[in-house]
Amino acid sequence: MMTNLKEELTNSLSDLIVFLSDYKEKINVNNFIGILEEMQFILQSIGKSQIPAETMIHLQKRYKSMFFPRDGLSDFYVFDSDAAYMKMRNEQFSLLIKRIDSLLEE
């Protein structure tokens, strides 16, 4: 397990950006990618490995801003004619979200 929260969070945000990049045609996905990239930029601009408390609060707010009730990331779902593929992709998405959630709570 990585002990560096900043690095782990940056990598997790990258993973989510890569995942969402496959679905740019969906509503708001380009906006979500922009927010995630902004969060990465904020993390990269911190000179030290520890994330200051006020920066973490800002990151949490930016992240939560993507989970509005309608057409937000909480509504995001991959549809595909291949049921196994669809299930796998939705599980991947769910795991990415859970991982970022837990990192932002630390």
N, C-alpha and C. Protein backbone atom coordinates (compact mmCIF):
# COMPACT_ATOMS: atom_id res chain seq x y z
N MET A 1 0.84 -1.19 0.00
CA MET A 1 0.00 0.00 0.00
C MET A 1 0.88 1.25 0.00
N MET A 2 0.50 2.20 -0.81
CA MET A 2 1.25 3.46 -0.87
C MET A 2 1.00 4.27 0.39
N THR A 3 2.06 4.86 0.89
CA THR A 3 1.90 5.69 2.08
C THR A 3 1.71 7.16 1.71
N ASN A 4 1.95 7.51 0.47
CA ASN A 4 1.86 8.90 0.04
C ASN A 4 0.45 9.18 -0.50
N LEU A 5 -0.36 9.85 0.32
CA LEU A 5 -1.75 10.16 -0.06
C LEU A 5 -1.82 10.98 -1.33
N LYS A 6 -0.93 11.97 -1.45
CA LYS A 6 -0.93 12.84 -2.63
C LYS A 6 -0.72 12.01 -3.91
N GLU A 7 0.24 11.11 -3.88
CA GLU A 7 0.54 10.28 -5.05
C GLU A 7 -0.60 9.32 -5.36
N GLU A 8 -1.13 8.69 -4.32
CA GLU A 8 -2.24 7.75 -4.49
C GLU A 8 -3.47 8.45 -5.06
N LEU A 9 -3.78 9.64 -4.55
CA LEU A 9 -4.94 10.39 -5.03
C LEU A 9 -4.72 10.85 -6.47
N THR A 10 -3.52 11.33 -6.78
CA THR A 10 -3.21 11.75 -8.15
C THR A 10 -3.37 10.57 -9.12
N ASN A 11 -2.85 9.41 -8.75
CA ASN A 11 -2.96 8.23 -9.60
C ASN A 11 -4.42 7.79 -9.77
N SER A 12 -5.18 7.85 -8.69
CA SER A 12 -6.59 7.45 -8.75
C SER A 12 -7.40 8.40 -9.63
N LEU A 13 -7.10 9.69 -9.53
CA LEU A 13 -7.78 10.66 -10.40
C LEU A 13 -7.43 10.39 -11.86
N SER A 14 -6.17 10.06 -12.13
CA SER A 14 -5.74 9.72 -13.50
C SER A 14 -6.50 8.51 -14.02
N ASP A 15 -6.63 7.50 -13.17
CA ASP A 15 -7.35 6.29 -13.57
C ASP A 15 -8.80 6.61 -13.93
N LEU A 16 -9.43 7.49 -13.14
CA LEU A 16 -10.83 7.86 -13.42
C LEU A 16 -10.92 8.68 -14.70
N ILE A 17 -9.96 9.56 -14.94
CA ILE A 17 -9.95 10.34 -16.18
C ILE A 17 -9.83 9.41 -17.39
N VAL A 18 -8.93 8.44 -17.31
CA VAL A 18 -8.75 7.48 -18.41
C VAL A 18 -10.05 6.70 -18.64
N PHE A 19 -10.68 6.27 -17.55
CA PHE A 19 -11.93 5.53 -17.66
C PHE A 19 -13.00 6.38 -18.33
N LEU A 20 -13.20 7.60 -17.82
CA LEU A 20 -14.25 8.47 -18.35
C LEU A 20 -13.97 8.91 -19.79
N SER A 21 -12.71 8.94 -20.19
CA SER A 21 -12.34 9.35 -21.55
C SER A 21 -12.96 8.44 -22.61
N ASP A 22 -13.30 7.22 -22.23
CA ASP A 22 -13.96 6.30 -23.17
C ASP A 22 -15.43 6.66 -23.38
N TYR A 23 -15.95 7.59 -22.58
CA TYR A 23 -17.39 7.89 -22.61
C TYR A 23 -17.65 9.39 -22.76
N LYS A 24 -16.82 10.07 -23.55
CA LYS A 24 -16.94 11.52 -23.70
C LYS A 24 -18.26 11.95 -24.33
N GLU A 25 -18.94 11.02 -24.99
CA GLU A 25 -20.22 11.39 -25.62
C GLU A 25 -21.34 11.49 -24.59
N LYS A 26 -21.13 10.99 -23.40
CA LYS A 26 -22.18 11.04 -22.36
C LYS A 26 -22.27 12.46 -21.77
N ILE A 27 -23.44 12.77 -21.26
CA ILE A 27 -23.71 14.09 -20.68
C ILE A 27 -22.72 14.39 -19.56
N ASN A 28 -22.15 15.57 -19.59
CA ASN A 28 -21.29 16.12 -18.55
C ASN A 28 -19.92 15.46 -18.39
N VAL A 29 -19.61 14.40 -19.14
CA VAL A 29 -18.34 13.70 -18.93
C VAL A 29 -17.15 14.62 -19.18
N ASN A 30 -17.20 15.43 -20.23
CA ASN A 30 -16.08 16.35 -20.48
C ASN A 30 -15.91 17.34 -19.33
N ASN A 31 -17.02 17.77 -18.75
CA ASN A 31 -16.97 18.66 -17.59
C ASN A 31 -16.33 17.94 -16.40
N PHE A 32 -16.71 16.68 -16.16
CA PHE A 32 -16.14 15.91 -15.06
C PHE A 32 -14.64 15.73 -15.27
N ILE A 33 -14.23 15.44 -16.48
CA ILE A 33 -12.80 15.27 -16.77
C ILE A 33 -12.05 16.57 -16.47
N GLY A 34 -12.66 17.70 -16.82
CA GLY A 34 -12.05 19.00 -16.53
C GLY A 34 -11.88 19.22 -15.03
N ILE A 35 -12.87 18.86 -14.25
CA ILE A 35 -12.79 19.01 -12.79
C ILE A 35 -11.70 18.09 -12.23
N LEU A 36 -11.65 16.86 -12.71
CA LEU A 36 -10.63 15.91 -12.25
C LEU A 36 -9.23 16.39 -12.61
N GLU A 37 -9.08 16.95 -13.81
CA GLU A 37 -7.78 17.48 -14.22
C GLU A 37 -7.39 18.68 -13.36
N GLU A 38 -8.37 19.50 -13.02
CA GLU A 38 -8.12 20.65 -12.12
C GLU A 38 -7.64 20.15 -10.76
N MET A 39 -8.29 19.09 -10.26
CA MET A 39 -7.89 18.50 -8.98
C MET A 39 -6.45 17.98 -9.05
N GLN A 40 -6.11 17.35 -10.17
CA GLN A 40 -4.74 16.87 -10.36
C GLN A 40 -3.75 18.03 -10.36
N PHE A 41 -4.11 19.10 -11.04
CA PHE A 41 -3.24 20.27 -11.11
C PHE A 41 -2.99 20.84 -9.71
N ILE A 42 -4.05 20.92 -8.91
CA ILE A 42 -3.93 21.40 -7.54
C ILE A 42 -2.96 20.52 -6.75
N LEU A 43 -3.12 19.21 -6.89
CA LEU A 43 -2.23 18.28 -6.18
C LEU A 43 -0.79 18.44 -6.65
N GLN A 44 -0.60 18.59 -7.95
CA GLN A 44 0.76 18.71 -8.50
C GLN A 44 1.41 20.02 -8.10
N SER A 45 0.62 21.04 -7.82
CA SER A 45 1.20 22.34 -7.47
C SER A 45 1.60 22.43 -5.99
N ILE A 46 1.25 21.40 -5.22
CA ILE A 46 1.68 21.35 -3.82
C ILE A 46 3.12 20.86 -3.82
N GLY A 47 3.99 21.65 -3.26
CA GLY A 47 5.42 21.33 -3.28
C GLY A 47 5.82 20.15 -2.41
N LYS A 48 5.06 19.91 -1.38
CA LYS A 48 5.43 18.84 -0.46
C LYS A 48 4.52 17.63 -0.66
N SER A 49 4.86 16.53 -0.01
CA SER A 49 4.08 15.30 -0.19
C SER A 49 2.80 15.30 0.65
N GLN A 50 2.73 16.14 1.67
CA GLN A 50 1.54 16.19 2.49
C GLN A 50 0.55 17.22 1.94
N ILE A 51 -0.73 16.87 1.98
CA ILE A 51 -1.76 17.78 1.47
C ILE A 51 -2.26 18.64 2.62
N PRO A 52 -2.11 19.99 2.51
CA PRO A 52 -2.62 20.86 3.58
C PRO A 52 -4.13 20.69 3.77
N ALA A 53 -4.59 20.86 5.00
CA ALA A 53 -6.01 20.65 5.33
C ALA A 53 -6.95 21.49 4.47
N GLU A 54 -6.61 22.77 4.27
CA GLU A 54 -7.50 23.63 3.48
C GLU A 54 -7.55 23.19 2.01
N THR A 55 -6.45 22.66 1.51
CA THR A 55 -6.43 22.14 0.13
C THR A 55 -7.29 20.89 0.04
N MET A 56 -7.21 20.03 1.05
CA MET A 56 -8.02 18.81 1.06
C MET A 56 -9.50 19.16 1.08
N ILE A 57 -9.89 20.15 1.85
CA ILE A 57 -11.30 20.58 1.89
C ILE A 57 -11.74 21.06 0.51
N HIS A 58 -10.90 21.83 -0.16
CA HIS A 58 -11.22 22.31 -1.51
C HIS A 58 -11.35 21.14 -2.49
N LEU A 59 -10.44 20.17 -2.41
CA LEU A 59 -10.51 19.00 -3.28
C LEU A 59 -11.79 18.20 -3.03
N GLN A 60 -12.15 18.05 -1.77
CA GLN A 60 -13.38 17.33 -1.43
C GLN A 60 -14.60 18.03 -2.02
N LYS A 61 -14.63 19.35 -1.93
CA LYS A 61 -15.77 20.11 -2.48
C LYS A 61 -15.84 19.99 -4.00
N ARG A 62 -14.69 20.08 -4.68
CA ARG A 62 -14.67 19.95 -6.14
C ARG A 62 -15.15 18.56 -6.55
N TYR A 63 -14.68 17.56 -5.85
CA TYR A 63 -15.06 16.17 -6.16
C TYR A 63 -16.56 15.97 -5.95
N LYS A 64 -17.07 16.42 -4.80
CA LYS A 64 -18.49 16.25 -4.50
C LYS A 64 -19.38 17.03 -5.47
N SER A 65 -18.84 18.08 -6.08
CA SER A 65 -19.62 18.88 -7.02
C SER A 65 -20.03 18.10 -8.26
N MET A 66 -19.38 16.97 -8.51
CA MET A 66 -19.71 16.15 -9.69
C MET A 66 -20.83 15.16 -9.42
N PHE A 67 -21.29 15.09 -8.18
CA PHE A 67 -22.30 14.10 -7.81
C PHE A 67 -23.67 14.73 -7.58
N PHE A 68 -24.06 15.62 -8.49
CA PHE A 68 -25.39 16.21 -8.39
C PHE A 68 -26.43 15.16 -8.77
N PRO A 69 -27.67 15.34 -8.31
CA PRO A 69 -28.68 14.28 -8.42
C PRO A 69 -29.02 13.82 -9.84
N ARG A 70 -28.99 14.70 -10.79
CA ARG A 70 -29.39 14.30 -12.14
C ARG A 70 -28.25 14.55 -13.11
N ASP A 71 -27.86 13.52 -13.86
CA ASP A 71 -26.78 13.57 -14.84
C ASP A 71 -25.41 13.81 -14.21
N GLY A 72 -25.30 13.56 -12.91
CA GLY A 72 -24.00 13.64 -12.24
C GLY A 72 -23.31 12.28 -12.28
N LEU A 73 -22.15 12.20 -11.66
CA LEU A 73 -21.44 10.92 -11.63
C LEU A 73 -22.22 9.86 -10.87
N SER A 74 -23.10 10.28 -9.96
CA SER A 74 -23.92 9.30 -9.24
C SER A 74 -24.91 8.60 -10.18
N ASP A 75 -25.20 9.22 -11.33
CA ASP A 75 -26.09 8.63 -12.35
C ASP A 75 -25.33 7.91 -13.45
N PHE A 76 -24.00 7.99 -13.43
CA PHE A 76 -23.20 7.44 -14.52
C PHE A 76 -23.32 5.92 -14.56
N TYR A 77 -23.57 5.39 -15.76
CA TYR A 77 -23.69 3.95 -15.94
C TYR A 77 -23.28 3.61 -17.37
N VAL A 78 -22.52 2.56 -17.51
CA VAL A 78 -22.09 2.10 -18.84
C VAL A 78 -23.11 1.10 -19.35
N PHE A 79 -23.65 1.37 -20.53
CA PHE A 79 -24.56 0.43 -21.18
C PHE A 79 -23.82 -0.21 -22.35
N ASP A 80 -24.01 -1.51 -22.53
CA ASP A 80 -23.38 -2.21 -23.63
C ASP A 80 -24.20 -3.45 -23.93
N SER A 81 -24.19 -3.87 -25.20
CA SER A 81 -24.94 -5.07 -25.58
C SER A 81 -24.31 -6.33 -24.99
N ASP A 82 -23.03 -6.27 -24.66
CA ASP A 82 -22.34 -7.39 -24.02
C ASP A 82 -22.51 -7.24 -22.50
N ALA A 83 -23.36 -8.07 -21.93
CA ALA A 83 -23.70 -7.93 -20.51
C ALA A 83 -22.48 -8.11 -19.59
N ALA A 84 -21.60 -9.02 -19.92
CA ALA A 84 -20.42 -9.26 -19.08
C ALA A 84 -19.49 -8.05 -19.11
N TYR A 85 -19.30 -7.48 -20.30
CA TYR A 85 -18.46 -6.29 -20.45
C TYR A 85 -19.08 -5.13 -19.69
N MET A 86 -20.38 -4.96 -19.84
CA MET A 86 -21.08 -3.87 -19.17
C MET A 86 -20.93 -4.00 -17.65
N LYS A 87 -21.11 -5.21 -17.13
CA LYS A 87 -20.97 -5.44 -15.69
C LYS A 87 -19.54 -5.13 -15.23
N MET A 88 -18.55 -5.59 -15.99
CA MET A 88 -17.15 -5.37 -15.64
C MET A 88 -16.83 -3.87 -15.59
N ARG A 89 -17.25 -3.13 -16.61
CA ARG A 89 -16.96 -1.69 -16.68
C ARG A 89 -17.64 -0.93 -15.55
N ASN A 90 -18.87 -1.29 -15.23
CA ASN A 90 -19.57 -0.61 -14.14
C ASN A 90 -18.95 -0.94 -12.79
N GLU A 91 -18.45 -2.16 -12.63
CA GLU A 91 -17.75 -2.51 -11.40
C GLU A 91 -16.43 -1.75 -11.30
N GLN A 92 -15.72 -1.61 -12.42
CA GLN A 92 -14.48 -0.83 -12.43
C GLN A 92 -14.76 0.61 -12.00
N PHE A 93 -15.79 1.19 -12.58
CA PHE A 93 -16.17 2.56 -12.25
C PHE A 93 -16.47 2.70 -10.76
N SER A 94 -17.27 1.79 -10.26
CA SER A 94 -17.65 1.81 -8.85
C SER A 94 -16.42 1.71 -7.94
N LEU A 95 -15.48 0.86 -8.28
CA LEU A 95 -14.26 0.72 -7.48
C LEU A 95 -13.41 1.99 -7.52
N LEU A 96 -13.33 2.63 -8.68
CA LEU A 96 -12.58 3.89 -8.79
C LEU A 96 -13.19 4.96 -7.89
N ILE A 97 -14.50 5.06 -7.94
CA ILE A 97 -15.21 6.06 -7.12
C ILE A 97 -14.99 5.78 -5.64
N LYS A 98 -15.12 4.52 -5.24
CA LYS A 98 -14.93 4.15 -3.83
C LYS A 98 -13.51 4.45 -3.38
N ARG A 99 -12.54 4.17 -4.24
CA ARG A 99 -11.13 4.41 -3.88
C ARG A 99 -10.89 5.91 -3.67
N ILE A 100 -11.38 6.73 -4.58
CA ILE A 100 -11.19 8.19 -4.44
C ILE A 100 -11.95 8.69 -3.21
N ASP A 101 -13.17 8.20 -3.00
CA ASP A 101 -13.93 8.59 -1.81
C ASP A 101 -13.13 8.33 -0.55
N SER A 102 -12.55 7.13 -0.45
CA SER A 102 -11.82 6.78 0.77
C SER A 102 -10.54 7.61 0.92
N LEU A 103 -9.89 7.93 -0.19
CA LEU A 103 -8.68 8.76 -0.12
C LEU A 103 -8.99 10.18 0.33
N LEU A 104 -10.11 10.71 -0.15
CA LEU A 104 -10.50 12.07 0.22
C LEU A 104 -10.98 12.17 1.66
N GLU A 105 -11.36 11.04 2.25
CA GLU A 105 -11.83 11.03 3.65
C GLU A 105 -10.66 10.99 4.63
N GLU A 106 -9.46 10.58 4.17
CA GLU A 106 -8.32 10.41 5.07
C GLU A 106 -7.89 11.73 5.68
